[in-house]
């Protein structure tokens, strides 16, 4: 955002996502890719998102 001349502010707060061993076992998660697929809040936050930014697909 700074490179585009925008000011995201001094601090950016990203809401935490609790990931426990039990959750990983229950959802059969072995990789970060699987974690992002099965728990979308882990891999995405709108905390520093601008309308002109594309989405990851």
PDB file of N, CA and C in Angstrom:
ATOM      1  N   UNK A   1       0.826  -1.172   0.000  1.00  0.00           N
ATOM      2  CA  UNK A   1       0.000   0.000   0.000  1.00  0.00           C
ATOM      3  C   UNK A   1       0.879   1.247   0.000  1.00  0.00           C
ATOM      4  N   UNK A   2       1.963   1.200   0.743  1.00  0.00           N
ATOM      5  CA  UNK A   2       2.864   2.349   0.762  1.00  0.00           C
ATOM      6  C   UNK A   2       3.456   2.615  -0.612  1.00  0.00           C
ATOM      7  N   UNK A   3       3.784   1.549  -1.346  1.00  0.00           N
ATOM      8  CA  UNK A   3       4.327   1.719  -2.694  1.00  0.00           C
ATOM      9  C   UNK A   3       3.327   2.378  -3.627  1.00  0.00           C
ATOM     10  N   UNK A   4       2.047   2.214  -3.359  1.00  0.00           N
ATOM     11  CA  UNK A   4       0.995   2.813  -4.174  1.00  0.00           C
ATOM     12  C   UNK A   4       0.641   4.213  -3.685  1.00  0.00           C
ATOM     13  N   UNK A   5       1.387   4.720  -2.690  1.00  0.00           N
ATOM     14  CA  UNK A   5       1.136   6.060  -2.185  1.00  0.00           C
ATOM     15  C   UNK A   5       0.021   6.137  -1.156  1.00  0.00           C
ATOM     16  N   UNK A   6      -0.408   4.989  -0.642  1.00  0.00           N
ATOM     17  CA  UNK A   6      -1.465   4.955   0.360  1.00  0.00           C
ATOM     18  C   UNK A   6      -0.848   4.777   1.743  1.00  0.00           C
ATOM     19  N   UNK A   7      -1.540   5.255   2.747  1.00  0.00           N
ATOM     20  CA  UNK A   7      -1.062   5.134   4.116  1.00  0.00           C
ATOM     21  C   UNK A   7      -1.958   4.155   4.877  1.00  0.00           C
ATOM     22  N   UNK A   8      -1.466   2.932   5.116  1.00  0.00           N
ATOM     23  CA  UNK A   8      -2.278   1.958   5.852  1.00  0.00           C
ATOM     24  C   UNK A   8      -2.305   2.233   7.358  1.00  0.00           C
ATOM     25  N   UNK A   9      -1.571   3.252   7.778  1.00  0.00           N
ATOM     26  CA  UNK A   9      -1.495   3.553   9.200  1.00  0.00           C
ATOM     27  C   UNK A   9      -0.231   2.968   9.800  1.00  0.00           C
ATOM     28  N   UNK A  10       0.069   3.376  11.012  1.00  0.00           N
ATOM     29  CA  UNK A  10       1.293   2.925  11.661  1.00  0.00           C
ATOM     30  C   UNK A  10       1.195   1.469  12.119  1.00  0.00           C
ATOM     31  N   UNK A  11       0.048   1.092  12.648  1.00  0.00           N
ATOM     32  CA  UNK A  11      -0.158  -0.273  13.138  1.00  0.00           C
ATOM     33  C   UNK A  11      -1.290  -0.935  12.370  1.00  0.00           C
ATOM     34  N   UNK A  12      -1.103  -2.187  12.042  1.00  0.00           N
ATOM     35  CA  UNK A  12      -2.152  -2.984  11.410  1.00  0.00           C
ATOM     36  C   UNK A  12      -2.429  -4.168  12.325  1.00  0.00           C
ATOM     37  N   UNK A  13      -3.657  -4.284  12.775  1.00  0.00           N
ATOM     38  CA  UNK A  13      -4.030  -5.364  13.681  1.00  0.00           C
ATOM     39  C   UNK A  13      -4.739  -6.460  12.894  1.00  0.00           C
ATOM     40  N   UNK A  14      -4.171  -7.648  12.930  1.00  0.00           N
ATOM     41  CA  UNK A  14      -4.759  -8.809  12.259  1.00  0.00           C
ATOM     42  C   UNK A  14      -5.409  -9.670  13.338  1.00  0.00           C
ATOM     43  N   UNK A  15      -6.710  -9.946  13.203  1.00  0.00           N
ATOM     44  CA  UNK A  15      -7.380 -10.780  14.206  1.00  0.00           C
ATOM     45  C   UNK A  15      -6.712 -12.155  14.311  1.00  0.00           C
ATOM     46  N   UNK A  16      -6.492 -12.644  15.514  1.00  0.00           N
ATOM     47  CA  UNK A  16      -5.832 -13.941  15.675  1.00  0.00           C
ATOM     48  C   UNK A  16      -6.741 -15.109  15.294  1.00  0.00           C
ATOM     49  N   UNK A  17      -6.125 -16.188  14.889  1.00  0.00           N
ATOM     50  CA  UNK A  17      -6.825 -17.439  14.625  1.00  0.00           C
ATOM     51  C   UNK A  17      -6.155 -18.513  15.473  1.00  0.00           C
ATOM     52  N   UNK A  18      -6.914 -19.127  16.361  1.00  0.00           N
ATOM     53  CA  UNK A  18      -6.368 -20.166  17.226  1.00  0.00           C
ATOM     54  C   UNK A  18      -6.330 -21.494  16.481  1.00  0.00           C
ATOM     55  N   UNK A  19      -5.140 -22.057  16.386  1.00  0.00           N
ATOM     56  CA  UNK A  19      -4.953 -23.352  15.739  1.00  0.00           C
ATOM     57  C   UNK A  19      -4.319 -24.281  16.767  1.00  0.00           C
ATOM     58  N   UNK A  20      -5.034 -25.327  17.126  1.00  0.00           N
ATOM     59  CA  UNK A  20      -4.521 -26.284  18.104  1.00  0.00           C
ATOM     60  C   UNK A  20      -4.181 -27.606  17.417  1.00  0.00           C
ATOM     61  N   UNK A  21      -3.410 -28.414  18.106  1.00  0.00           N
ATOM     62  CA  UNK A  21      -3.075 -29.747  17.572  1.00  0.00           C
ATOM     63  C   UNK A  21      -4.356 -30.559  17.355  1.00  0.00           C
ATOM     64  N   UNK A  22      -5.303 -30.416  18.287  1.00  0.00           N
ATOM     65  CA  UNK A  22      -6.574 -31.128  18.156  1.00  0.00           C
ATOM     66  C   UNK A  22      -7.329 -30.723  16.901  1.00  0.00           C
ATOM     67  N   UNK A  23      -7.321 -29.434  16.585  1.00  0.00           N
ATOM     68  CA  UNK A  23      -7.984 -28.953  15.374  1.00  0.00           C
ATOM     69  C   UNK A  23      -7.310 -29.535  14.132  1.00  0.00           C
ATOM     70  N   UNK A  24      -5.982 -29.515  14.120  1.00  0.00           N
ATOM     71  CA  UNK A  24      -5.244 -30.075  12.979  1.00  0.00           C
ATOM     72  C   UNK A  24      -5.562 -31.552  12.793  1.00  0.00           C
ATOM     73  N   UNK A  25      -5.601 -32.300  13.889  1.00  0.00           N
ATOM     74  CA  UNK A  25      -5.919 -33.729  13.815  1.00  0.00           C
ATOM     75  C   UNK A  25      -7.355 -33.958  13.368  1.00  0.00           C
ATOM     76  N   UNK A  26      -8.297 -33.201  13.945  1.00  0.00           N
ATOM     77  CA  UNK A  26      -9.718 -33.377  13.640  1.00  0.00           C
ATOM     78  C   UNK A  26     -10.026 -33.076  12.172  1.00  0.00           C
ATOM     79  N   UNK A  27      -9.332 -32.076  11.606  1.00  0.00           N
ATOM     80  CA  UNK A  27      -9.562 -31.707  10.208  1.00  0.00           C
ATOM     81  C   UNK A  27      -8.580 -32.368   9.248  1.00  0.00           C
ATOM     82  N   UNK A  28      -7.753 -33.283   9.767  1.00  0.00           N
ATOM     83  CA  UNK A  28      -6.742 -33.995   8.961  1.00  0.00           C
ATOM     84  C   UNK A  28      -5.866 -33.022   8.176  1.00  0.00           C
ATOM     85  N   UNK A  29      -5.320 -32.043   8.879  1.00  0.00           N
ATOM     86  CA  UNK A  29      -4.476 -31.029   8.251  1.00  0.00           C
ATOM     87  C   UNK A  29      -3.018 -31.391   8.476  1.00  0.00           C
ATOM     88  N   UNK A  30      -2.268 -31.513   7.368  1.00  0.00           N
ATOM     89  CA  UNK A  30      -0.853 -31.858   7.432  1.00  0.00           C
ATOM     90  C   UNK A  30       0.048 -30.765   6.857  1.00  0.00           C
ATOM     91  N   UNK A  31      -0.524 -29.839   6.069  1.00  0.00           N
ATOM     92  CA  UNK A  31       0.282 -28.795   5.429  1.00  0.00           C
ATOM     93  C   UNK A  31      -0.374 -27.433   5.620  1.00  0.00           C
ATOM     94  N   UNK A  32       0.413 -26.389   5.400  1.00  0.00           N
ATOM     95  CA  UNK A  32      -0.128 -25.025   5.482  1.00  0.00           C
ATOM     96  C   UNK A  32      -1.181 -24.815   4.395  1.00  0.00           C
ATOM     97  N   UNK A  33      -0.977 -25.404   3.241  1.00  0.00           N
ATOM     98  CA  UNK A  33      -1.952 -25.281   2.157  1.00  0.00           C
ATOM     99  C   UNK A  33      -3.305 -25.852   2.574  1.00  0.00           C
ATOM    100  N   UNK A  34      -3.288 -27.012   3.227  1.00  0.00           N
ATOM    101  CA  UNK A  34      -4.533 -27.620   3.717  1.00  0.00           C
ATOM    102  C   UNK A  34      -5.158 -26.743   4.796  1.00  0.00           C
ATOM    103  N   UNK A  35      -4.335 -26.148   5.635  1.00  0.00           N
ATOM    104  CA  UNK A  35      -4.842 -25.269   6.686  1.00  0.00           C
ATOM    105  C   UNK A  35      -5.566 -24.069   6.081  1.00  0.00           C
ATOM    106  N   UNK A  36      -4.988 -23.458   5.066  1.00  0.00           N
ATOM    107  CA  UNK A  36      -5.623 -22.324   4.392  1.00  0.00           C
ATOM    108  C   UNK A  36      -6.933 -22.736   3.718  1.00  0.00           C
ATOM    109  N   UNK A  37      -6.981 -23.930   3.157  1.00  0.00           N
ATOM    110  CA  UNK A  37      -8.196 -24.409   2.492  1.00  0.00           C
ATOM    111  C   UNK A  37      -9.312 -24.694   3.491  1.00  0.00           C
ATOM    112  N   UNK A  38      -8.967 -25.322   4.593  1.00  0.00           N
ATOM    113  CA  UNK A  38      -9.983 -25.771   5.543  1.00  0.00           C
ATOM    114  C   UNK A  38     -10.315 -24.736   6.606  1.00  0.00           C
ATOM    115  N   UNK A  39      -9.461 -23.752   6.777  1.00  0.00           N
ATOM    116  CA  UNK A  39      -9.684 -22.692   7.754  1.00  0.00           C
ATOM    117  C   UNK A  39      -9.329 -21.359   7.081  1.00  0.00           C
ATOM    118  N   UNK A  40     -10.212 -20.852   6.208  1.00  0.00           N
ATOM    119  CA  UNK A  40      -9.910 -19.663   5.410  1.00  0.00           C
ATOM    120  C   UNK A  40      -9.466 -18.452   6.226  1.00  0.00           C
ATOM    121  N   UNK A  41      -9.936 -18.315   7.455  1.00  0.00           N
ATOM    122  CA  UNK A  41      -9.538 -17.160   8.257  1.00  0.00           C
ATOM    123  C   UNK A  41      -8.040 -17.181   8.572  1.00  0.00           C
ATOM    124  N   UNK A  42      -7.398 -18.335   8.475  1.00  0.00           N
ATOM    125  CA  UNK A  42      -5.961 -18.428   8.715  1.00  0.00           C
ATOM    126  C   UNK A  42      -5.173 -17.771   7.590  1.00  0.00           C
ATOM    127  N   UNK A  43      -5.616 -17.929   6.367  1.00  0.00           N
ATOM    128  CA  UNK A  43      -4.846 -17.464   5.220  1.00  0.00           C
ATOM    129  C   UNK A  43      -5.244 -16.121   4.668  1.00  0.00           C
ATOM    130  N   UNK A  44      -6.224 -15.454   5.269  1.00  0.00           N
ATOM    131  CA  UNK A  44      -6.693 -14.181   4.709  1.00  0.00           C
ATOM    132  C   UNK A  44      -7.151 -13.243   5.811  1.00  0.00           C
ATOM    133  N   UNK A  45      -6.845 -11.983   5.624  1.00  0.00           N
ATOM    134  CA  UNK A  45      -7.327 -10.948   6.527  1.00  0.00           C
ATOM    135  C   UNK A  45      -7.599  -9.688   5.714  1.00  0.00           C
ATOM    136  N   UNK A  46      -8.656  -8.985   6.046  1.00  0.00           N
ATOM    137  CA  UNK A  46      -8.966  -7.718   5.387  1.00  0.00           C
ATOM    138  C   UNK A  46      -8.291  -6.543   6.092  1.00  0.00           C
ATOM    139  N   UNK A  47      -7.410  -6.825   7.040  1.00  0.00           N
ATOM    140  CA  UNK A  47      -6.803  -5.773   7.856  1.00  0.00           C
ATOM    141  C   UNK A  47      -6.057  -4.741   7.015  1.00  0.00           C
ATOM    142  N   UNK A  48      -5.392  -5.148   5.975  1.00  0.00           N
ATOM    143  CA  UNK A  48      -4.647  -4.217   5.122  1.00  0.00           C
ATOM    144  C   UNK A  48      -4.998  -4.481   3.666  1.00  0.00           C
ATOM    145  N   UNK A  49      -6.272  -4.419   3.366  1.00  0.00           N
ATOM    146  CA  UNK A  49      -6.756  -4.714   2.018  1.00  0.00           C
ATOM    147  C   UNK A  49      -7.349  -3.452   1.407  1.00  0.00           C
ATOM    148  N   UNK A  50      -6.981  -3.181   0.181  1.00  0.00           N
ATOM    149  CA  UNK A  50      -7.533  -2.043  -0.548  1.00  0.00           C
ATOM    150  C   UNK A  50      -8.348  -2.574  -1.723  1.00  0.00           C
ATOM    151  N   UNK A  51      -9.354  -1.824  -2.173  1.00  0.00           N
ATOM    152  CA  UNK A  51     -10.202  -2.299  -3.270  1.00  0.00           C
ATOM    153  C   UNK A  51      -9.425  -2.653  -4.543  1.00  0.00           C
ATOM    154  N   UNK A  52      -8.319  -1.987  -4.781  1.00  0.00           N
ATOM    155  CA  UNK A  52      -7.575  -2.237  -6.004  1.00  0.00           C
ATOM    156  C   UNK A  52      -6.718  -3.502  -5.936  1.00  0.00           C
ATOM    157  N   UNK A  53      -6.553  -4.064  -4.757  1.00  0.00           N
ATOM    158  CA  UNK A  53      -5.762  -5.282  -4.601  1.00  0.00           C
ATOM    159  C   UNK A  53      -6.563  -6.497  -5.041  1.00  0.00           C
ATOM    160  N   UNK A  54      -5.937  -7.354  -5.790  1.00  0.00           N
ATOM    161  CA  UNK A  54      -6.613  -8.578  -6.219  1.00  0.00           C
ATOM    162  C   UNK A  54      -6.729  -9.575  -5.075  1.00  0.00           C
ATOM    163  N   UNK A  55      -7.468 -10.630  -5.314  1.00  0.00           N
ATOM    164  CA  UNK A  55      -7.615 -11.686  -4.316  1.00  0.00           C
ATOM    165  C   UNK A  55      -6.786 -12.880  -4.753  1.00  0.00           C
ATOM    166  N   UNK A  56      -6.372 -13.679  -3.772  1.00  0.00           N
ATOM    167  CA  UNK A  56      -5.648 -14.908  -4.074  1.00  0.00           C
ATOM    168  C   UNK A  56      -6.654 -15.991  -4.375  1.00  0.00           C
ATOM    169  N   UNK A  57      -6.511 -16.620  -5.491  1.00  0.00           N
ATOM    170  CA  UNK A  57      -7.390 -17.742  -5.861  1.00  0.00           C
ATOM    171  C   UNK A  57      -6.570 -18.975  -6.109  1.00  0.00           C
TER     172      UNK A  57
END
